[in-house]
Amino acid sequence: MKVKPRERFSTEVTLTPALVAEFARAAGDQNPLHYDLDYTAQTKYKRLMASGTQTTALLMGLTATYFSQRGAMVGLEFWLM
C-alpha cells in the first residue's frame, strides 16, 4: 500500500461522560478521573477525563478505517507520536 509522507485524515468525536466512564471500565482502567464524577469535582480538572487508552484507541480506529478503504490490511505497522 502506498502511503504519502504527511498524509492527513481526520474525524470529529464527541465523548460524553457516560462514554468515557464506560470505556475506562471496559479497559480495566480504575483511575477515578475516568469514571467518578464526585471524585473529579474535587480535583483541578473538575470533570471526567478520557484515558490515554481511549484516545489512542480512537486514533488507531481512525487510522485503520482510513487505510482499509484502499484494500485489506490489519494495521500491524501503525504507530502514533
N, C-alpha and C. Protein backbone atom coordinates (compact mmCIF):
# COMPACT_ATOMS: atom_id res chain seq x y z
N MET A 1 0.84 -1.16 0.00
CA MET A 1 0.00 0.00 0.00
C MET A 1 0.89 1.24 0.00
N LYS A 2 0.61 2.16 -0.87
CA LYS A 2 1.35 3.42 -0.94
C LYS A 2 0.78 4.41 0.07
N VAL A 3 1.67 4.97 0.87
CA VAL A 3 1.29 6.00 1.84
C VAL A 3 2.15 7.21 1.55
N LYS A 4 1.52 8.35 1.45
CA LYS A 4 2.24 9.59 1.16
C LYS A 4 2.79 10.19 2.46
N PRO A 5 3.99 10.77 2.41
CA PRO A 5 4.51 11.45 3.61
C PRO A 5 3.54 12.55 4.05
N ARG A 6 3.34 12.63 5.33
CA ARG A 6 2.48 13.64 5.95
C ARG A 6 1.03 13.57 5.47
N GLU A 7 0.60 12.41 5.05
CA GLU A 7 -0.79 12.20 4.65
C GLU A 7 -1.67 12.47 5.86
N ARG A 8 -2.78 13.16 5.66
CA ARG A 8 -3.63 13.55 6.78
C ARG A 8 -5.06 13.07 6.57
N PHE A 9 -5.71 12.77 7.68
CA PHE A 9 -7.11 12.40 7.69
C PHE A 9 -7.64 12.73 9.08
N SER A 10 -8.94 12.93 9.18
CA SER A 10 -9.48 13.34 10.48
C SER A 10 -10.94 12.91 10.61
N THR A 11 -11.42 13.04 11.82
CA THR A 11 -12.82 12.84 12.13
C THR A 11 -13.12 13.68 13.37
N GLU A 12 -14.38 13.82 13.67
CA GLU A 12 -14.77 14.54 14.88
C GLU A 12 -15.47 13.55 15.80
N VAL A 13 -15.09 13.57 17.06
CA VAL A 13 -15.64 12.65 18.06
C VAL A 13 -16.15 13.47 19.24
N THR A 14 -17.33 13.13 19.71
CA THR A 14 -17.87 13.75 20.92
C THR A 14 -17.90 12.68 22.01
N LEU A 15 -17.15 12.92 23.08
CA LEU A 15 -17.12 11.98 24.19
C LEU A 15 -17.99 12.52 25.32
N THR A 16 -18.97 11.76 25.69
CA THR A 16 -19.82 12.12 26.82
C THR A 16 -19.23 11.52 28.09
N PRO A 17 -19.60 12.03 29.24
CA PRO A 17 -19.13 11.41 30.49
C PRO A 17 -19.47 9.92 30.55
N ALA A 18 -20.64 9.54 30.06
CA ALA A 18 -21.03 8.12 30.09
C ALA A 18 -20.10 7.28 29.21
N LEU A 19 -19.75 7.78 28.03
CA LEU A 19 -18.84 7.04 27.15
C LEU A 19 -17.44 6.92 27.74
N VAL A 20 -16.97 8.00 28.37
CA VAL A 20 -15.65 7.98 29.00
C VAL A 20 -15.62 6.95 30.12
N ALA A 21 -16.64 6.97 30.96
CA ALA A 21 -16.70 6.02 32.09
C ALA A 21 -16.83 4.59 31.60
N GLU A 22 -17.67 4.38 30.61
CA GLU A 22 -17.88 3.03 30.06
C GLU A 22 -16.59 2.46 29.48
N PHE A 23 -15.86 3.28 28.73
CA PHE A 23 -14.61 2.80 28.15
C PHE A 23 -13.59 2.48 29.24
N ALA A 24 -13.46 3.34 30.23
CA ALA A 24 -12.50 3.10 31.31
C ALA A 24 -12.79 1.78 32.02
N ARG A 25 -14.03 1.55 32.31
CA ARG A 25 -14.40 0.29 32.98
C ARG A 25 -14.11 -0.91 32.08
N ALA A 26 -14.46 -0.82 30.80
CA ALA A 26 -14.24 -1.93 29.87
C ALA A 26 -12.74 -2.21 29.69
N ALA A 27 -11.93 -1.17 29.75
CA ALA A 27 -10.48 -1.32 29.57
C ALA A 27 -9.77 -1.71 30.87
N GLY A 28 -10.51 -1.71 31.98
CA GLY A 28 -9.91 -2.06 33.26
C GLY A 28 -9.12 -0.92 33.88
N ASP A 29 -9.39 0.31 33.43
CA ASP A 29 -8.69 1.49 33.96
C ASP A 29 -9.47 1.99 35.17
N GLN A 30 -8.95 1.74 36.36
CA GLN A 30 -9.64 2.08 37.60
C GLN A 30 -9.29 3.47 38.14
N ASN A 31 -8.65 4.31 37.33
CA ASN A 31 -8.37 5.67 37.76
C ASN A 31 -9.70 6.42 37.87
N PRO A 32 -10.04 6.91 39.06
CA PRO A 32 -11.34 7.57 39.25
C PRO A 32 -11.52 8.83 38.40
N LEU A 33 -10.45 9.38 37.85
CA LEU A 33 -10.59 10.53 36.95
C LEU A 33 -11.40 10.19 35.70
N HIS A 34 -11.53 8.90 35.43
CA HIS A 34 -12.23 8.47 34.22
C HIS A 34 -13.68 8.05 34.46
N TYR A 35 -14.11 7.92 35.73
CA TYR A 35 -15.47 7.43 35.94
C TYR A 35 -16.20 8.00 37.15
N ASP A 36 -15.53 8.66 38.06
CA ASP A 36 -16.15 9.10 39.31
C ASP A 36 -16.35 10.62 39.32
N LEU A 37 -17.58 11.05 39.04
CA LEU A 37 -17.88 12.49 38.97
C LEU A 37 -17.64 13.21 40.29
N ASP A 38 -17.98 12.58 41.40
CA ASP A 38 -17.75 13.20 42.72
C ASP A 38 -16.27 13.39 42.97
N TYR A 39 -15.47 12.40 42.62
CA TYR A 39 -14.01 12.49 42.79
C TYR A 39 -13.44 13.61 41.93
N THR A 40 -13.81 13.62 40.65
CA THR A 40 -13.22 14.62 39.74
C THR A 40 -13.64 16.04 40.11
N ALA A 41 -14.83 16.19 40.71
CA ALA A 41 -15.28 17.52 41.12
C ALA A 41 -14.34 18.13 42.16
N GLN A 42 -13.62 17.29 42.89
CA GLN A 42 -12.70 17.75 43.93
C GLN A 42 -11.28 17.98 43.40
N THR A 43 -11.05 17.72 42.13
CA THR A 43 -9.71 17.89 41.55
C THR A 43 -9.64 19.18 40.74
N LYS A 44 -8.46 19.50 40.27
CA LYS A 44 -8.30 20.70 39.44
C LYS A 44 -8.97 20.54 38.07
N TYR A 45 -9.30 19.32 37.69
CA TYR A 45 -9.91 19.07 36.37
C TYR A 45 -11.42 19.31 36.37
N LYS A 46 -12.06 19.08 37.51
CA LYS A 46 -13.49 19.35 37.73
C LYS A 46 -14.45 18.46 36.94
N ARG A 47 -13.95 17.65 36.02
CA ARG A 47 -14.83 16.76 35.24
C ARG A 47 -14.06 15.53 34.80
N LEU A 48 -14.79 14.55 34.29
CA LEU A 48 -14.14 13.32 33.84
C LEU A 48 -13.16 13.61 32.70
N MET A 49 -12.13 12.79 32.65
CA MET A 49 -11.13 12.90 31.59
C MET A 49 -11.06 11.57 30.85
N ALA A 50 -11.04 11.61 29.53
CA ALA A 50 -10.84 10.40 28.75
C ALA A 50 -9.43 9.88 29.03
N SER A 51 -9.30 8.58 29.11
CA SER A 51 -7.98 7.98 29.37
C SER A 51 -7.13 8.00 28.11
N GLY A 52 -5.84 7.93 28.29
CA GLY A 52 -4.93 7.81 27.16
C GLY A 52 -5.24 6.57 26.33
N THR A 53 -5.69 5.52 27.00
CA THR A 53 -6.07 4.30 26.30
C THR A 53 -7.23 4.58 25.34
N GLN A 54 -8.18 5.37 25.77
CA GLN A 54 -9.34 5.67 24.93
C GLN A 54 -8.94 6.54 23.74
N THR A 55 -8.17 7.58 23.97
CA THR A 55 -7.78 8.45 22.86
C THR A 55 -6.89 7.70 21.86
N THR A 56 -6.02 6.84 22.36
CA THR A 56 -5.18 6.04 21.47
C THR A 56 -6.02 5.06 20.66
N ALA A 57 -7.00 4.43 21.29
CA ALA A 57 -7.89 3.51 20.58
C ALA A 57 -8.66 4.24 19.48
N LEU A 58 -9.11 5.46 19.77
CA LEU A 58 -9.82 6.24 18.75
C LEU A 58 -8.90 6.58 17.58
N LEU A 59 -7.65 6.94 17.88
CA LEU A 59 -6.69 7.23 16.81
C LEU A 59 -6.39 5.99 15.97
N MET A 60 -6.23 4.86 16.63
CA MET A 60 -5.96 3.62 15.89
C MET A 60 -7.17 3.22 15.04
N GLY A 61 -8.37 3.39 15.57
CA GLY A 61 -9.57 3.08 14.80
C GLY A 61 -9.71 3.98 13.59
N LEU A 62 -9.44 5.26 13.75
CA LEU A 62 -9.48 6.20 12.64
C LEU A 62 -8.47 5.82 11.56
N THR A 63 -7.26 5.47 11.98
CA THR A 63 -6.21 5.09 11.04
C THR A 63 -6.58 3.82 10.29
N ALA A 64 -7.07 2.82 11.00
CA ALA A 64 -7.47 1.57 10.36
C ALA A 64 -8.62 1.81 9.37
N THR A 65 -9.59 2.61 9.76
CA THR A 65 -10.72 2.91 8.87
C THR A 65 -10.24 3.59 7.60
N TYR A 66 -9.37 4.58 7.75
CA TYR A 66 -8.88 5.33 6.61
C TYR A 66 -8.12 4.43 5.63
N PHE A 67 -7.15 3.68 6.13
CA PHE A 67 -6.32 2.89 5.23
C PHE A 67 -7.03 1.63 4.71
N SER A 68 -8.01 1.12 5.43
CA SER A 68 -8.72 -0.07 4.95
C SER A 68 -9.59 0.24 3.73
N GLN A 69 -9.85 1.52 3.48
CA GLN A 69 -10.60 1.90 2.28
C GLN A 69 -9.79 1.66 1.01
N ARG A 70 -8.49 1.44 1.15
CA ARG A 70 -7.61 1.20 0.00
C ARG A 70 -7.39 -0.29 -0.26
N GLY A 71 -7.83 -1.11 0.65
CA GLY A 71 -7.65 -2.55 0.49
C GLY A 71 -7.51 -3.23 1.83
N ALA A 72 -7.43 -4.55 1.78
CA ALA A 72 -7.32 -5.34 3.02
C ALA A 72 -6.03 -5.02 3.75
N MET A 73 -6.14 -4.82 5.06
CA MET A 73 -4.98 -4.55 5.90
C MET A 73 -5.36 -4.80 7.34
N VAL A 74 -4.35 -5.03 8.19
CA VAL A 74 -4.62 -5.27 9.60
C VAL A 74 -3.95 -4.25 10.52
N GLY A 75 -3.13 -3.37 10.02
CA GLY A 75 -2.57 -2.29 10.81
C GLY A 75 -1.44 -2.67 11.75
N LEU A 76 -0.71 -3.72 11.43
CA LEU A 76 0.38 -4.15 12.31
C LEU A 76 1.55 -3.18 12.36
N GLU A 77 1.63 -2.29 11.39
CA GLU A 77 2.75 -1.36 11.36
C GLU A 77 2.33 0.07 11.70
N PHE A 78 1.16 0.26 12.29
CA PHE A 78 0.75 1.58 12.71
C PHE A 78 1.53 2.00 13.95
N TRP A 79 1.84 3.28 14.04
CA TRP A 79 2.42 3.82 15.27
C TRP A 79 1.98 5.26 15.39
N LEU A 80 1.93 5.76 16.60
CA LEU A 80 1.46 7.11 16.88
C LEU A 80 2.51 7.87 17.66
N MET A 81 2.59 9.16 17.39
CA MET A 81 3.50 10.03 18.15
C MET A 81 2.68 11.11 18.81
